[in-house]
Amino acid sequence: MTPAHGFSGFSRRPQPIKPGPGQESVWDYPRPPRLQQRSERIVVKLGGQVIADTTMAVRVLETSHPPVYYLPLDAFCAAVLIPVQGTSFCEFKGVAHYFDVVAGGIFVPRAAWTYPDPSQGFEGLSTRVALYPSQMESCEVDGEQVTFQEGDFYGGWITPQIVGPFKGGPGTSGW
């Protein structure tokens, strides 16, 4: 049966999962997104090496998306982030620039990004880098292994404290 609007590829907003004690729902996050300072210990590994370690991350919170963690540039080991050509545009944050990530003999193309000159309201990202957790050996938040967001666009970090459903996977582009 075709929906009333006539577009059979339409995907309705899903039913949010009710958060339990100590959990937060991505459906309670704002749009446009907001930045949130965090003090959890964030550890990222690639090629058997710790490539970033910080307690000064910033999360970007946006409706239907798991948080994306942005780590200070100085939290990364030297020579791990290799700037590459090409940019993308976010309607909220501005123009993103990309890095290849290299460690322990592993090379991951365009696995990290930054907003060196972000849009108003997102200035806190100007000296920070986000990573696709799906492309790393491991990403941890206070010792808990992160599950990565489905799809290859958003780069959200899912911990047991975050409930969805999450945008990013097949059939979610209409949310």
C-alpha atoms as a PDB file:
ATOM      1  CA  MET A   1       0.000   0.000   0.000  1.00  0.00           C
ATOM      2  CA  THR A   2       1.378   3.432  -0.919  1.00  0.00           C
ATOM      3  CA  PRO A   3       1.285   6.054   1.885  1.00  0.00           C
ATOM      4  CA  ALA A   4      -1.161   8.949   1.454  1.00  0.00           C
ATOM      5  CA  HIS A   5       1.594  11.324   0.392  1.00  0.00           C
ATOM      6  CA  GLY A   6       2.313   9.050  -2.583  1.00  0.00           C
ATOM      7  CA  PHE A   7       5.988   8.385  -1.870  1.00  0.00           C
ATOM      8  CA  SER A   8       6.508   4.718  -1.080  1.00  0.00           C
ATOM      9  CA  GLY A   9      10.079   5.303   0.194  1.00  0.00           C
ATOM     10  CA  PHE A  10       8.808   7.440   3.099  1.00  0.00           C
ATOM     11  CA  SER A  11      10.154   6.465   6.481  1.00  0.00           C
ATOM     12  CA  ARG A  12       8.090   7.655   9.467  1.00  0.00           C
ATOM     13  CA  ARG A  13       9.746   8.916  12.617  1.00  0.00           C
ATOM     14  CA  PRO A  14      10.281   5.829  14.762  1.00  0.00           C
ATOM     15  CA  GLN A  15       8.967   5.298  18.253  1.00  0.00           C
ATOM     16  CA  PRO A  16      11.695   6.452  20.697  1.00  0.00           C
ATOM     17  CA  ILE A  17      12.927   3.961  23.271  1.00  0.00           C
ATOM     18  CA  LYS A  18      12.098   5.135  26.787  1.00  0.00           C
ATOM     19  CA  PRO A  19      15.365   5.771  28.661  1.00  0.00           C
ATOM     20  CA  GLY A  20      15.937   3.856  31.880  1.00  0.00           C
ATOM     21  CA  PRO A  21      17.669   5.220  34.969  1.00  0.00           C
ATOM     22  CA  GLY A  22      20.964   6.880  34.037  1.00  0.00           C
ATOM     23  CA  GLN A  23      20.173   6.753  30.302  1.00  0.00           C
ATOM     24  CA  GLU A  24      19.423   9.486  27.780  1.00  0.00           C
ATOM     25  CA  SER A  25      17.389   9.292  24.594  1.00  0.00           C
ATOM     26  CA  VAL A  26      18.719  10.765  21.366  1.00  0.00           C
ATOM     27  CA  TRP A  27      15.138  11.879  20.733  1.00  0.00           C
ATOM     28  CA  ASP A  28      15.500  14.348  23.623  1.00  0.00           C
ATOM     29  CA  TYR A  29      18.553  15.950  21.975  1.00  0.00           C
ATOM     30  CA  PRO A  30      17.994  19.336  20.278  1.00  0.00           C
ATOM     31  CA  ARG A  31      17.856  20.400  16.660  1.00  0.00           C
ATOM     32  CA  PRO A  32      19.828  22.419  15.794  1.00  0.00           C
ATOM     33  CA  PRO A  33      22.506  20.517  17.698  1.00  0.00           C
ATOM     34  CA  ARG A  34      24.340  21.769  20.758  1.00  0.00           C
ATOM     35  CA  LEU A  35      27.815  21.291  22.206  1.00  0.00           C
ATOM     36  CA  GLN A  36      28.363  19.758  25.619  1.00  0.00           C
ATOM     37  CA  GLN A  37      31.671  19.720  27.514  1.00  0.00           C
ATOM     38  CA  ARG A  38      32.514  16.289  28.941  1.00  0.00           C
ATOM     39  CA  SER A  39      35.010  15.053  31.516  1.00  0.00           C
ATOM     40  CA  GLU A  40      34.878  11.287  30.911  1.00  0.00           C
ATOM     41  CA  ARG A  41      38.144   9.693  29.855  1.00  0.00           C
ATOM     42  CA  ILE A  42      38.123   9.093  26.115  1.00  0.00           C
ATOM     43  CA  VAL A  43      40.685   6.617  24.759  1.00  0.00           C
ATOM     44  CA  VAL A  44      41.058   5.763  21.067  1.00  0.00           C
ATOM     45  CA  LYS A  45      43.225   2.912  19.760  1.00  0.00           C
ATOM     46  CA  LEU A  46      44.398   2.008  16.275  1.00  0.00           C
ATOM     47  CA  GLY A  47      47.034  -0.500  15.195  1.00  0.00           C
ATOM     48  CA  GLY A  48      47.590  -1.637  18.774  1.00  0.00           C
ATOM     49  CA  GLN A  49      48.435   1.901  19.912  1.00  0.00           C
ATOM     50  CA  VAL A  50      46.633   4.530  21.942  1.00  0.00           C
ATOM     51  CA  ILE A  51      46.334   7.404  19.462  1.00  0.00           C
ATOM     52  CA  ALA A  52      44.263   9.765  21.636  1.00  0.00           C
ATOM     53  CA  ASP A  53      43.581  10.062  25.350  1.00  0.00           C
ATOM     54  CA  THR A  54      41.696  12.950  26.967  1.00  0.00           C
ATOM     55  CA  THR A  55      39.267  14.041  29.657  1.00  0.00           C
ATOM     56  CA  MET A  56      38.444  17.244  27.756  1.00  0.00           C
ATOM     57  CA  ALA A  57      36.075  16.085  25.013  1.00  0.00           C
ATOM     58  CA  VAL A  58      33.072  17.905  23.624  1.00  0.00           C
ATOM     59  CA  ARG A  59      29.966  16.033  22.515  1.00  0.00           C
ATOM     60  CA  VAL A  60      27.689  17.243  19.749  1.00  0.00           C
ATOM     61  CA  LEU A  61      24.094  16.324  20.564  1.00  0.00           C
ATOM     62  CA  GLU A  62      21.490  16.288  17.792  1.00  0.00           C
ATOM     63  CA  THR A  63      17.998  14.797  17.594  1.00  0.00           C
ATOM     64  CA  SER A  64      18.039  11.129  16.491  1.00  0.00           C
ATOM     65  CA  HIS A  65      21.860  10.907  16.430  1.00  0.00           C
ATOM     66  CA  PRO A  66      24.171   9.266  18.947  1.00  0.00           C
ATOM     67  CA  PRO A  67      26.640  11.835  20.307  1.00  0.00           C
ATOM     68  CA  VAL A  68      29.733  12.595  18.261  1.00  0.00           C
ATOM     69  CA  TYR A  69      32.806  13.156  20.434  1.00  0.00           C
ATOM     70  CA  TYR A  70      35.297  15.839  19.422  1.00  0.00           C
ATOM     71  CA  LEU A  71      38.728  15.515  21.028  1.00  0.00           C
ATOM     72  CA  PRO A  72      41.330  18.277  21.407  1.00  0.00           C
ATOM     73  CA  LEU A  73      43.966  18.205  18.670  1.00  0.00           C
ATOM     74  CA  ASP A  74      46.661  17.977  21.342  1.00  0.00           C
ATOM     75  CA  ALA A  75      45.097  14.738  22.676  1.00  0.00           C
ATOM     76  CA  PHE A  76      46.377  12.928  19.569  1.00  0.00           C
ATOM     77  CA  CYS A  77      49.839  11.419  19.236  1.00  0.00           C
ATOM     78  CA  ALA A  78      52.173  13.142  16.791  1.00  0.00           C
ATOM     79  CA  ALA A  79      51.893  12.107  13.112  1.00  0.00           C
ATOM     80  CA  VAL A  80      48.618  10.186  13.626  1.00  0.00           C
ATOM     81  CA  LEU A  81      46.431  12.723  11.798  1.00  0.00           C
ATOM     82  CA  ILE A  82      47.386  13.418   8.185  1.00  0.00           C
ATOM     83  CA  PRO A  83      45.430  16.303   6.550  1.00  0.00           C
ATOM     84  CA  VAL A  84      43.869  15.373   3.203  1.00  0.00           C
ATOM     85  CA  GLN A  85      42.168  17.269   0.394  1.00  0.00           C
ATOM     86  CA  GLY A  86      38.426  17.675   0.230  1.00  0.00           C
ATOM     87  CA  THR A  87      35.726  19.096   2.438  1.00  0.00           C
ATOM     88  CA  SER A  88      32.077  18.589   3.247  1.00  0.00           C
ATOM     89  CA  PHE A  89      29.435  20.964   4.535  1.00  0.00           C
ATOM     90  CA  CYS A  90      27.193  20.705   7.586  1.00  0.00           C
ATOM     91  CA  GLU A  91      24.236  23.076   7.672  1.00  0.00           C
ATOM     92  CA  PHE A  92      24.934  23.744  11.353  1.00  0.00           C
ATOM     93  CA  LYS A  93      28.691  23.454  11.888  1.00  0.00           C
ATOM     94  CA  GLY A  94      30.032  24.687   8.539  1.00  0.00           C
ATOM     95  CA  VAL A  95      32.865  23.304   6.397  1.00  0.00           C
ATOM     96  CA  ALA A  96      34.558  20.100   7.612  1.00  0.00           C
ATOM     97  CA  HIS A  97      38.150  19.211   6.721  1.00  0.00           C
ATOM     98  CA  TYR A  98      39.396  15.618   6.848  1.00  0.00           C
ATOM     99  CA  PHE A  99      42.348  13.563   8.049  1.00  0.00           C
ATOM    100  CA  ASP A 100      43.680  10.137   7.257  1.00  0.00           C
ATOM    101  CA  VAL A 101      44.505   8.311  10.497  1.00  0.00           C
ATOM    102  CA  VAL A 102      47.727   6.279  10.694  1.00  0.00           C
ATOM    103  CA  ALA A 103      49.091   4.158  13.571  1.00  0.00           C
ATOM    104  CA  GLY A 104      50.782   0.801  14.105  1.00  0.00           C
ATOM    105  CA  GLY A 105      51.013   0.116  10.379  1.00  0.00           C
ATOM    106  CA  ILE A 106      47.288   0.752   9.874  1.00  0.00           C
ATOM    107  CA  PHE A 107      46.148   3.458   7.440  1.00  0.00           C
ATOM    108  CA  VAL A 108      42.508   4.584   7.525  1.00  0.00           C
ATOM    109  CA  PRO A 109      41.562   7.165   4.870  1.00  0.00           C
ATOM    110  CA  ARG A 110      39.362  10.129   5.823  1.00  0.00           C
ATOM    111  CA  ALA A 111      38.515   8.626   9.218  1.00  0.00           C
ATOM    112  CA  ALA A 112      38.648  11.927  11.135  1.00  0.00           C
ATOM    113  CA  TRP A 113      37.418  15.470  10.588  1.00  0.00           C
ATOM    114  CA  THR A 114      37.536  18.953  12.055  1.00  0.00           C
ATOM    115  CA  TYR A 115      35.838  22.320  11.659  1.00  0.00           C
ATOM    116  CA  PRO A 116      38.756  24.801  11.729  1.00  0.00           C
ATOM    117  CA  ASP A 117      36.433  27.771  11.140  1.00  0.00           C
ATOM    118  CA  PRO A 118      33.023  26.596  12.398  1.00  0.00           C
ATOM    119  CA  SER A 119      29.723  28.423  12.177  1.00  0.00           C
ATOM    120  CA  GLN A 120      28.545  30.699  14.977  1.00  0.00           C
ATOM    121  CA  GLY A 121      27.636  28.691  18.047  1.00  0.00           C
ATOM    122  CA  PHE A 122      30.090  25.904  17.221  1.00  0.00           C
ATOM    123  CA  GLU A 123      33.353  27.770  17.862  1.00  0.00           C
ATOM    124  CA  GLY A 124      34.218  25.154  20.503  1.00  0.00           C
ATOM    125  CA  LEU A 125      34.981  22.688  17.690  1.00  0.00           C
ATOM    126  CA  SER A 126      37.693  24.795  16.026  1.00  0.00           C
ATOM    127  CA  THR A 127      40.605  22.972  17.715  1.00  0.00           C
ATOM    128  CA  ARG A 128      38.969  19.553  17.969  1.00  0.00           C
ATOM    129  CA  VAL A 129      38.798  16.396  15.892  1.00  0.00           C
ATOM    130  CA  ALA A 130      36.076  13.749  15.582  1.00  0.00           C
ATOM    131  CA  LEU A 131      36.667  10.152  14.477  1.00  0.00           C
ATOM    132  CA  TYR A 132      34.482   7.460  12.980  1.00  0.00           C
ATOM    133  CA  PRO A 133      34.518   4.844  15.763  1.00  0.00           C
ATOM    134  CA  SER A 134      33.703   2.166  13.172  1.00  0.00           C
ATOM    135  CA  GLN A 135      37.103   2.830  11.575  1.00  0.00           C
ATOM    136  CA  MET A 136      39.151   2.603  14.792  1.00  0.00           C
ATOM    137  CA  GLU A 137      40.375  -0.478  16.639  1.00  0.00           C
ATOM    138  CA  SER A 138      38.514   0.762  19.707  1.00  0.00           C
ATOM    139  CA  CYS A 139      36.973   3.887  21.203  1.00  0.00           C
ATOM    140  CA  GLU A 140      36.215   3.981  24.917  1.00  0.00           C
ATOM    141  CA  VAL A 141      34.257   6.330  27.156  1.00  0.00           C
ATOM    142  CA  ASP A 142      35.317   5.853  30.796  1.00  0.00           C
ATOM    143  CA  GLY A 143      36.517   2.333  30.014  1.00  0.00           C
ATOM    144  CA  GLU A 144      33.347   1.284  28.161  1.00  0.00           C
ATOM    145  CA  GLN A 145      33.759   0.140  24.572  1.00  0.00           C
ATOM    146  CA  VAL A 146      31.732   2.292  22.170  1.00  0.00           C
ATOM    147  CA  THR A 147      29.381   0.767  19.628  1.00  0.00           C
ATOM    148  CA  PHE A 148      29.403   2.742  16.404  1.00  0.00           C
ATOM    149  CA  GLN A 149      26.436   4.270  14.646  1.00  0.00           C
ATOM    150  CA  GLU A 150      25.196   2.363  11.604  1.00  0.00           C
ATOM    151  CA  GLY A 151      26.011   3.836   8.208  1.00  0.00           C
ATOM    152  CA  ASP A 152      29.108   5.721   7.138  1.00  0.00           C
ATOM    153  CA  PHE A 153      28.010   9.333   7.450  1.00  0.00           C
ATOM    154  CA  TYR A 154      27.457  10.524  11.018  1.00  0.00           C
ATOM    155  CA  GLY A 155      30.100   8.914  13.230  1.00  0.00           C
ATOM    156  CA  GLY A 156      28.054   8.655  16.445  1.00  0.00           C
ATOM    157  CA  TRP A 157      29.346   6.959  19.579  1.00  0.00           C
ATOM    158  CA  ILE A 158      26.865   4.622  21.293  1.00  0.00           C
ATOM    159  CA  THR A 159      27.338   3.633  24.938  1.00  0.00           C
ATOM    160  CA  PRO A 160      24.867   1.743  27.180  1.00  0.00           C
ATOM    161  CA  GLN A 161      23.701   5.137  28.502  1.00  0.00           C
ATOM    162  CA  ILE A 162      22.356   6.189  25.069  1.00  0.00           C
ATOM    163  CA  VAL A 163      19.074   4.847  23.644  1.00  0.00           C
ATOM    164  CA  GLY A 164      17.569   5.304  20.184  1.00  0.00           C
ATOM    165  CA  PRO A 165      16.544   4.252  17.687  1.00  0.00           C
ATOM    166  CA  PHE A 166      19.386   5.953  15.831  1.00  0.00           C
ATOM    167  CA  LYS A 167      19.437   7.654  12.460  1.00  0.00           C
ATOM    168  CA  GLY A 168      22.110   6.440  10.046  1.00  0.00           C
ATOM    169  CA  GLY A 169      21.203   2.935   9.033  1.00  0.00           C
ATOM    170  CA  PRO A 170      19.195   1.819   5.999  1.00  0.00           C
ATOM    171  CA  GLY A 171      15.719   3.349   5.827  1.00  0.00           C
ATOM    172  CA  THR A 172      16.420   6.188   8.273  1.00  0.00           C
ATOM    173  CA  SER A 173      17.190   9.038   5.875  1.00  0.00           C
ATOM    174  CA  GLY A 174      13.618  10.367   6.114  1.00  0.00           C
ATOM    175  CA  TRP A 175      13.718  10.861   9.886  1.00  0.00           C
END
